[in-house]
Protein backbone atom coordinates (compact mmCIF):
# COMPACT_ATOMS: atom_id res chain seq x y z
CA MET A 1 0.23 0.04 -0.23
CA THR A 2 1.36 3.34 -0.80
CA MET A 3 1.37 6.10 0.77
CA GLN A 4 0.66 9.95 -0.32
CA THR A 5 2.82 12.23 1.14
CA PRO A 6 1.03 15.75 1.63
CA LEU A 7 2.58 18.59 0.03
CA SER A 8 4.90 21.13 2.18
CA ARG A 9 4.85 24.44 2.00
CA ASP A 10 7.17 24.48 -0.64
CA THR A 11 6.02 22.30 -3.12
CA ASP A 12 3.73 23.98 -5.65
CA PRO A 13 -0.31 22.82 -5.62
CA ALA A 14 -0.68 23.24 -9.09
CA THR A 15 2.42 21.22 -10.60
CA SER A 16 4.09 19.22 -7.40
CA GLY A 17 7.07 20.60 -7.87
CA PRO A 18 8.76 23.24 -5.46
CA VAL A 19 7.32 26.68 -5.25
CA THR A 20 9.52 29.55 -7.47
CA ALA A 21 9.01 33.23 -7.87
CA ALA A 22 7.27 32.04 -11.34
CA SER A 23 5.08 29.55 -10.01
CA ARG A 24 4.01 31.87 -7.12
CA THR A 25 3.31 34.61 -9.89
CA HIS A 26 1.08 32.14 -11.83
CA ARG A 27 -0.66 31.10 -8.91
CA ARG A 28 -1.17 34.69 -8.21
CA PRO A 29 -1.91 36.42 -11.52
CA GLY A 30 -1.52 40.16 -11.09
CA SER A 31 -3.14 40.68 -7.56
CA ARG A 32 -0.41 43.26 -5.76
CA ALA A 33 -0.49 45.19 -9.16
CA VAL A 34 -3.55 45.45 -9.49
CA GLY A 35 -5.02 46.41 -6.07
CA SER A 36 -1.87 49.25 -6.56
CA LEU A 37 -2.43 50.65 -9.84
CA SER A 38 -6.56 51.05 -7.65
CA ARG A 39 -4.97 52.98 -5.11
CA THR A 40 -2.81 54.91 -7.95
CA GLU A 41 -5.62 55.83 -9.67
CA GLY A 42 -7.89 56.94 -6.06
CA MET A 43 -5.03 59.06 -4.88
CA TYR A 44 -4.71 60.56 -8.63
CA TYR A 45 -8.17 61.49 -8.79
CA LEU A 46 -8.20 63.01 -4.93
CA PHE A 47 -5.21 65.47 -6.06
CA LEU A 48 -7.06 66.07 -9.86
CA VAL A 49 -10.94 66.85 -9.22
CA PRO A 50 -10.50 69.12 -6.33
CA ALA A 51 -8.27 71.60 -8.01
CA LEU A 52 -9.84 70.90 -11.77
CA VAL A 53 -13.62 71.80 -9.32
CA LEU A 54 -11.26 75.44 -8.31
CA PHE A 55 -9.80 75.76 -12.08
CA THR A 56 -13.91 75.53 -13.43
CA ALA A 57 -15.08 77.54 -10.99
CA PHE A 58 -12.39 80.74 -11.22
CA VAL A 59 -10.73 80.49 -14.17
CA VAL A 60 -13.31 78.72 -17.35
CA ALA A 61 -16.94 79.78 -16.18
CA PRO A 62 -15.78 82.94 -16.09
CA ALA A 63 -14.34 83.20 -19.14
CA CYS A 64 -17.43 81.45 -20.70
CA VAL A 65 -18.90 84.23 -19.49
CA GLY A 66 -17.66 87.13 -20.38
CA VAL A 67 -17.31 85.35 -23.72
CA PHE A 68 -20.84 85.78 -23.80
CA TYR A 69 -21.02 88.88 -22.58
CA SER A 70 -18.51 90.00 -25.30
CA PHE A 71 -21.55 90.50 -27.60
CA THR A 72 -23.59 92.52 -25.99
CA ASP A 73 -23.27 95.92 -24.84
CA TYR A 74 -23.14 94.52 -21.24
CA LEU A 75 -21.77 97.08 -18.70
CA GLY A 76 -20.94 95.61 -16.19
CA PHE A 77 -24.21 95.97 -14.25
CA GLY A 78 -28.13 96.05 -14.61
CA GLN A 79 -29.30 95.09 -17.96
CA TRP A 80 -28.36 94.44 -21.65
CA ASP A 81 -28.87 93.57 -25.55
CA PHE A 82 -27.68 91.10 -27.76
CA LEU A 83 -25.33 93.06 -30.08
CA GLY A 84 -24.24 89.42 -32.05
CA LEU A 85 -20.61 90.28 -33.92
CA GLU A 86 -20.90 94.54 -33.69
CA ASN A 87 -17.79 94.57 -30.90
CA TYR A 88 -15.24 93.09 -32.43
CA ARG A 89 -16.46 95.41 -35.71
CA ALA A 90 -15.79 98.46 -33.79
CA LEU A 91 -12.69 96.65 -32.57
CA VAL A 92 -11.18 96.70 -35.82
CA SER A 93 -12.10 100.56 -36.69
CA ASP A 94 -10.74 101.65 -33.42
CA PRO A 95 -7.76 103.82 -33.10
CA ALA A 96 -6.55 103.01 -29.45
CA ILE A 97 -7.28 99.68 -29.65
CA LEU A 98 -4.87 99.53 -32.71
CA ALA A 99 -2.21 101.46 -31.18
CA SER A 100 -2.30 99.07 -28.00
CA TYR A 101 -2.08 96.55 -29.94
CA GLY A 102 0.79 97.88 -32.39
CA PHE A 103 2.47 99.36 -29.40
CA THR A 104 2.52 96.19 -27.55
CA LEU A 105 3.57 93.61 -30.61
CA GLY A 106 6.57 96.19 -31.13
CA PHE A 107 7.01 96.72 -27.24
CA ALA A 108 7.19 92.63 -27.30
CA VAL A 109 9.94 92.22 -30.03
CA VAL A 110 12.07 94.67 -29.16
CA THR A 111 12.54 93.47 -25.44
CA VAL A 112 12.43 89.50 -26.61
CA ILE A 113 15.13 90.56 -29.29
CA VAL A 114 17.33 92.61 -25.99
CA THR A 115 16.58 90.48 -23.52
CA GLN A 116 18.28 87.17 -25.32
CA VAL A 117 21.40 88.80 -26.49
CA ILE A 118 21.82 89.87 -23.50
CA ALA A 119 21.02 86.76 -21.76
CA LEU A 120 23.20 84.67 -23.94
CA THR A 121 26.08 86.52 -23.83
CA LEU A 122 25.80 86.34 -20.17
CA ALA A 123 25.70 82.72 -20.22
CA ILE A 124 28.27 82.57 -22.24
CA ALA A 125 30.34 85.24 -20.29
CA LEU A 126 29.50 82.79 -17.02
CA ALA A 127 30.16 79.15 -18.87
CA LYS A 128 33.82 80.10 -18.67
CA ARG A 129 35.78 79.28 -16.09
CA ILE A 130 36.42 82.75 -14.76
CA ARG A 131 36.51 83.65 -11.31
CA PHE A 132 33.62 84.30 -9.29
CA ALA A 133 31.23 83.06 -11.52
CA ALA A 134 28.91 81.41 -9.44
CA GLY A 135 28.69 84.72 -6.88
CA LEU A 136 27.89 86.70 -10.71
CA ARG A 137 24.92 84.62 -11.01
CA SER A 138 23.02 85.09 -7.46
CA ILE A 139 23.69 88.30 -8.60
CA PHE A 140 22.19 88.62 -12.51
CA VAL A 141 19.26 86.42 -10.68
CA ILE A 142 18.35 89.18 -8.00
CA PRO A 143 16.08 90.41 -10.64
CA MET A 144 13.81 88.10 -11.09
CA VAL A 145 12.98 87.67 -7.26
CA ILE A 146 11.77 91.59 -7.33
CA SER A 147 8.61 92.60 -8.30
CA GLY A 148 7.66 94.32 -11.41
CA ILE A 149 5.82 97.26 -9.51
CA VAL A 150 8.42 97.84 -7.20
CA VAL A 151 10.76 97.35 -9.70
CA ALA A 152 9.19 100.07 -12.13
CA TYR A 153 8.65 102.82 -9.10
CA VAL A 154 12.47 102.19 -8.17
CA PHE A 155 13.69 103.15 -11.97
CA ASN A 156 9.95 106.12 -11.92
CA PHE A 157 12.57 107.94 -9.78
CA LEU A 158 15.96 107.25 -11.63
CA PHE A 159 14.81 108.61 -14.27
CA ALA A 160 12.46 111.15 -13.76
CA ASN A 161 15.25 112.53 -10.88
CA THR A 162 18.48 110.84 -11.40
CA VAL A 163 18.77 110.09 -14.51
CA PRO A 164 18.60 114.36 -15.45
CA ALA A 165 20.59 115.21 -13.18
CA MET A 166 23.72 113.47 -13.34
CA ALA A 167 23.01 114.76 -17.42
CA THR A 168 22.73 118.28 -16.71
CA SER A 169 25.90 118.12 -14.17
CA ILE A 170 27.85 116.71 -18.18
CA GLY A 171 26.11 118.86 -20.41
CA PHE A 172 24.17 115.15 -22.22
CA GLY A 173 20.75 117.55 -23.53
CA PRO A 174 19.67 114.54 -24.88
CA LEU A 175 18.52 113.65 -21.53
CA GLU A 176 18.35 116.71 -19.53
CA GLN A 177 14.94 115.78 -19.55
CA SER A 178 12.72 112.63 -18.49
CA ILE A 179 12.54 110.37 -21.55
CA LEU A 180 9.30 109.25 -19.15
CA GLY A 181 7.37 112.58 -20.29
CA ASP A 182 8.55 111.98 -24.25
CA PRO A 183 6.49 110.39 -26.40
CA ASN A 184 8.92 108.59 -28.85
CA LEU A 185 11.23 108.00 -25.78
CA ALA A 186 8.97 106.49 -23.00
CA TRP A 187 8.80 103.29 -24.50
CA LEU A 188 12.54 102.84 -24.29
CA ALA A 189 12.13 103.14 -20.40
CA ILE A 190 9.49 100.22 -20.49
CA VAL A 191 11.85 97.99 -22.97
CA ILE A 192 15.57 98.60 -20.25
CA VAL A 193 13.31 98.03 -17.28
CA SER A 194 11.58 94.64 -18.33
CA ALA A 195 14.59 93.11 -20.19
CA TRP A 196 16.00 94.06 -16.74
CA GLN A 197 13.75 92.07 -15.18
CA THR A 198 13.06 89.22 -17.28
CA VAL A 199 17.08 88.80 -18.08
CA PRO A 200 17.63 86.36 -15.07
CA GLY A 201 15.10 83.90 -16.04
CA ALA A 202 16.32 83.66 -19.50
CA LEU A 203 19.25 83.39 -18.97
CA LEU A 204 19.00 80.14 -16.30
CA ILE A 205 18.01 79.01 -19.61
CA TYR A 206 20.79 79.20 -21.58
CA THR A 207 23.37 78.00 -18.87
CA ALA A 208 21.31 75.21 -18.53
CA GLY A 209 21.48 74.43 -22.20
CA LEU A 210 25.01 75.64 -22.10
CA THR A 211 26.24 72.96 -19.47
CA SER A 212 24.01 70.02 -21.82
CA ILE A 213 26.36 70.70 -24.96
CA PRO A 214 29.63 68.11 -24.73
CA GLU A 215 32.08 69.97 -23.71
CA GLU A 216 34.53 67.55 -26.17
CA LEU A 217 32.43 69.56 -29.02
CA TYR A 218 35.10 72.06 -28.13
CA GLU A 219 38.13 70.92 -27.86
CA ALA A 220 37.27 68.66 -31.09
CA SER A 221 37.23 72.21 -32.92
CA SER A 222 40.05 73.59 -30.82
CA LEU A 223 42.23 70.66 -32.24
CA ASP A 224 40.77 71.40 -36.00
CA GLY A 225 41.61 75.80 -35.91
CA ALA A 226 38.70 76.43 -34.79
CA THR A 227 38.18 80.27 -33.41
CA GLY A 228 35.80 81.23 -30.23
CA TRP A 229 33.66 83.15 -32.97
CA LYS A 230 33.78 79.65 -34.89
CA GLN A 231 32.74 77.80 -32.20
CA LEU A 232 29.49 80.26 -31.45
CA ARG A 233 28.19 79.99 -34.60
CA ALA A 234 29.30 75.96 -35.80
CA ILE A 235 28.32 74.58 -32.20
CA THR A 236 27.30 76.86 -29.15
CA LEU A 237 23.77 78.66 -31.55
CA PRO A 238 23.01 75.40 -33.15
CA LEU A 239 23.36 73.05 -30.16
CA LEU A 240 21.27 76.21 -28.70
CA GLY A 241 18.43 76.29 -30.68
CA GLY A 242 15.41 74.53 -28.57
CA PHE A 243 16.70 76.75 -25.97
CA ILE A 244 16.84 79.96 -28.13
CA VAL A 245 13.11 79.02 -29.13
CA ILE A 246 11.53 78.70 -25.70
CA ASN A 247 12.82 82.21 -24.55
CA THR A 248 11.85 83.72 -27.59
CA VAL A 249 8.25 82.29 -27.60
CA LEU A 250 7.55 82.61 -23.55
CA GLY A 251 9.68 86.18 -23.56
CA VAL A 252 7.05 87.52 -26.63
CA LYS A 253 4.01 85.88 -24.40
CA GLY A 254 5.32 87.43 -21.33
CA TYR A 255 5.31 91.24 -22.46
CA LEU A 256 2.28 90.95 -24.90
CA GLY A 257 0.90 90.93 -20.83
CA ALA A 258 3.19 93.47 -19.89
CA TYR A 259 0.79 95.65 -16.96
CA ASP A 260 2.66 96.08 -13.71
CA VAL A 261 5.41 97.68 -15.25
CA ILE A 262 3.98 99.77 -17.41
CA VAL A 263 1.80 101.33 -14.84
CA GLY A 264 5.03 101.93 -12.44
CA LEU A 265 6.33 103.97 -15.19
CA THR A 266 4.29 105.49 -17.78
CA ASN A 267 0.87 104.59 -16.46
CA GLY A 268 0.22 103.94 -20.21
CA GLY A 269 1.24 107.71 -20.93
CA PRO A 270 2.36 110.37 -22.07
CA GLY A 271 -1.07 110.39 -23.34
CA SER A 272 -1.90 106.97 -24.47
CA ALA A 273 1.42 106.77 -25.89
CA THR A 274 2.71 103.18 -23.67
CA SER A 275 -0.86 101.79 -23.20
CA SER A 276 -0.61 98.10 -23.83
CA VAL A 277 -3.63 96.08 -24.48
CA ALA A 278 -4.10 94.40 -20.77
CA MET A 279 -3.83 98.69 -20.13
CA THR A 280 -6.85 98.99 -22.38
CA ILE A 281 -8.20 95.88 -20.92
CA PHE A 282 -8.39 96.89 -17.18
CA GLY A 283 -8.86 100.54 -18.23
CA GLY A 284 -12.97 98.94 -19.95
CA PHE A 285 -13.26 97.44 -17.10
CA THR A 286 -13.98 99.92 -14.33
CA GLY A 287 -14.96 102.63 -17.06
CA GLY A 288 -18.46 101.29 -17.54
CA ASP A 289 -16.96 99.71 -20.82
CA TYR A 290 -16.85 95.65 -20.11
CA ALA A 291 -18.87 94.17 -23.05
CA TYR A 292 -16.53 95.78 -25.74
CA GLN A 293 -13.28 95.34 -23.48
CA MET A 294 -14.45 91.66 -22.85
CA ALA A 295 -14.28 91.20 -27.08
CA ASN A 296 -10.70 92.79 -26.94
CA ALA A 297 -9.78 90.27 -23.92
CA THR A 298 -11.29 87.54 -26.28
CA VAL A 299 -9.08 88.69 -29.18
CA PHE A 300 -6.01 88.85 -26.83
CA PHE A 301 -6.64 85.67 -25.98
CA ILE A 302 -6.73 83.85 -29.53
CA ILE A 303 -3.51 85.46 -30.39
CA THR A 304 -1.85 83.99 -27.11
CA VAL A 305 -3.12 80.54 -27.94
CA LEU A 306 -2.02 81.43 -31.45
CA ILE A 307 1.70 81.90 -30.33
CA SER A 308 1.39 78.72 -27.88
CA VAL A 309 0.51 76.86 -30.89
CA LEU A 310 3.41 77.90 -32.80
CA GLN A 311 5.64 77.27 -29.90
CA LEU A 312 4.57 73.86 -29.91
CA ALA A 313 4.88 73.55 -33.50
CA ALA A 314 8.56 75.32 -32.93
CA THR A 315 9.27 72.72 -30.46
CA ARG A 316 8.03 69.69 -31.85
CA GLY A 317 10.60 67.06 -32.30
CA ARG A 318 13.32 68.84 -30.34
CA ASN A 319 15.80 67.08 -27.81
CA LEU A 320 15.98 69.49 -24.82
CA ARG A 321 17.92 68.33 -22.26
CA LEU A 322 17.80 70.59 -19.80
CA ALA A 323 20.24 69.79 -16.93
């Protein structure tokens, strides 16, 4: 009579063989993974849903209401009538609106060029093995952490008092009067202050891009007799192409919404020479022109979205190493 011995703890009942990692996995397929996935999905929705509800309630819903009112004659209170596209037609022929768009776009383009040239030059200079490079980087990023309105008021005092006084003392006539009061030069002060505040952000991005370029490329080019200028044209600028695109597009998007620096420096003056689109929109909200400026804001939003699309198209397929 043959006796059957019970399966030991280390025997797989399905195969009557020793328990292995594969048999354990086969015996309980995916039980642990399913539980972990469920917990992960729960935590995902726990964080996502409240943020989505708040964003919808305080951003999406008011924006949709504002777009609806852009088709009416709503003043911000009281009754309203539906006008269709009348507000949008009026925008096209409004000199003040067109002037604000012209100033904003021109200011954005000029400031982006100035900012990128300065930031790239500083990044290349600080990438060299010079003394106190780390300390200089820390100093250069200080403007980035200061409020724009504070910076604007400080420079307002400098342009209105200090600069004219210095120009008078040395006999430099063009600056003996504050450029903030000159309709032809006030925009220059806004460009200077905006670039001074935004150069640090672009500098950090360019510094990250430069650190991602292999040093061997420069060493090999040096052996081939390439000078610093040739290395800049053949190696640095091509490999920084993606970073230049990012800085340029982010800069244009940021300058299109310029508000605090302009308010602190010129408040849109002299007259309306430096009135940006954002200032025009906010001025309409407080001046009983709600529906009309909502139409303006809608057009401005569409322009911003188009720039975002251009950003995605320009950076698609680029392998950017930001570290």
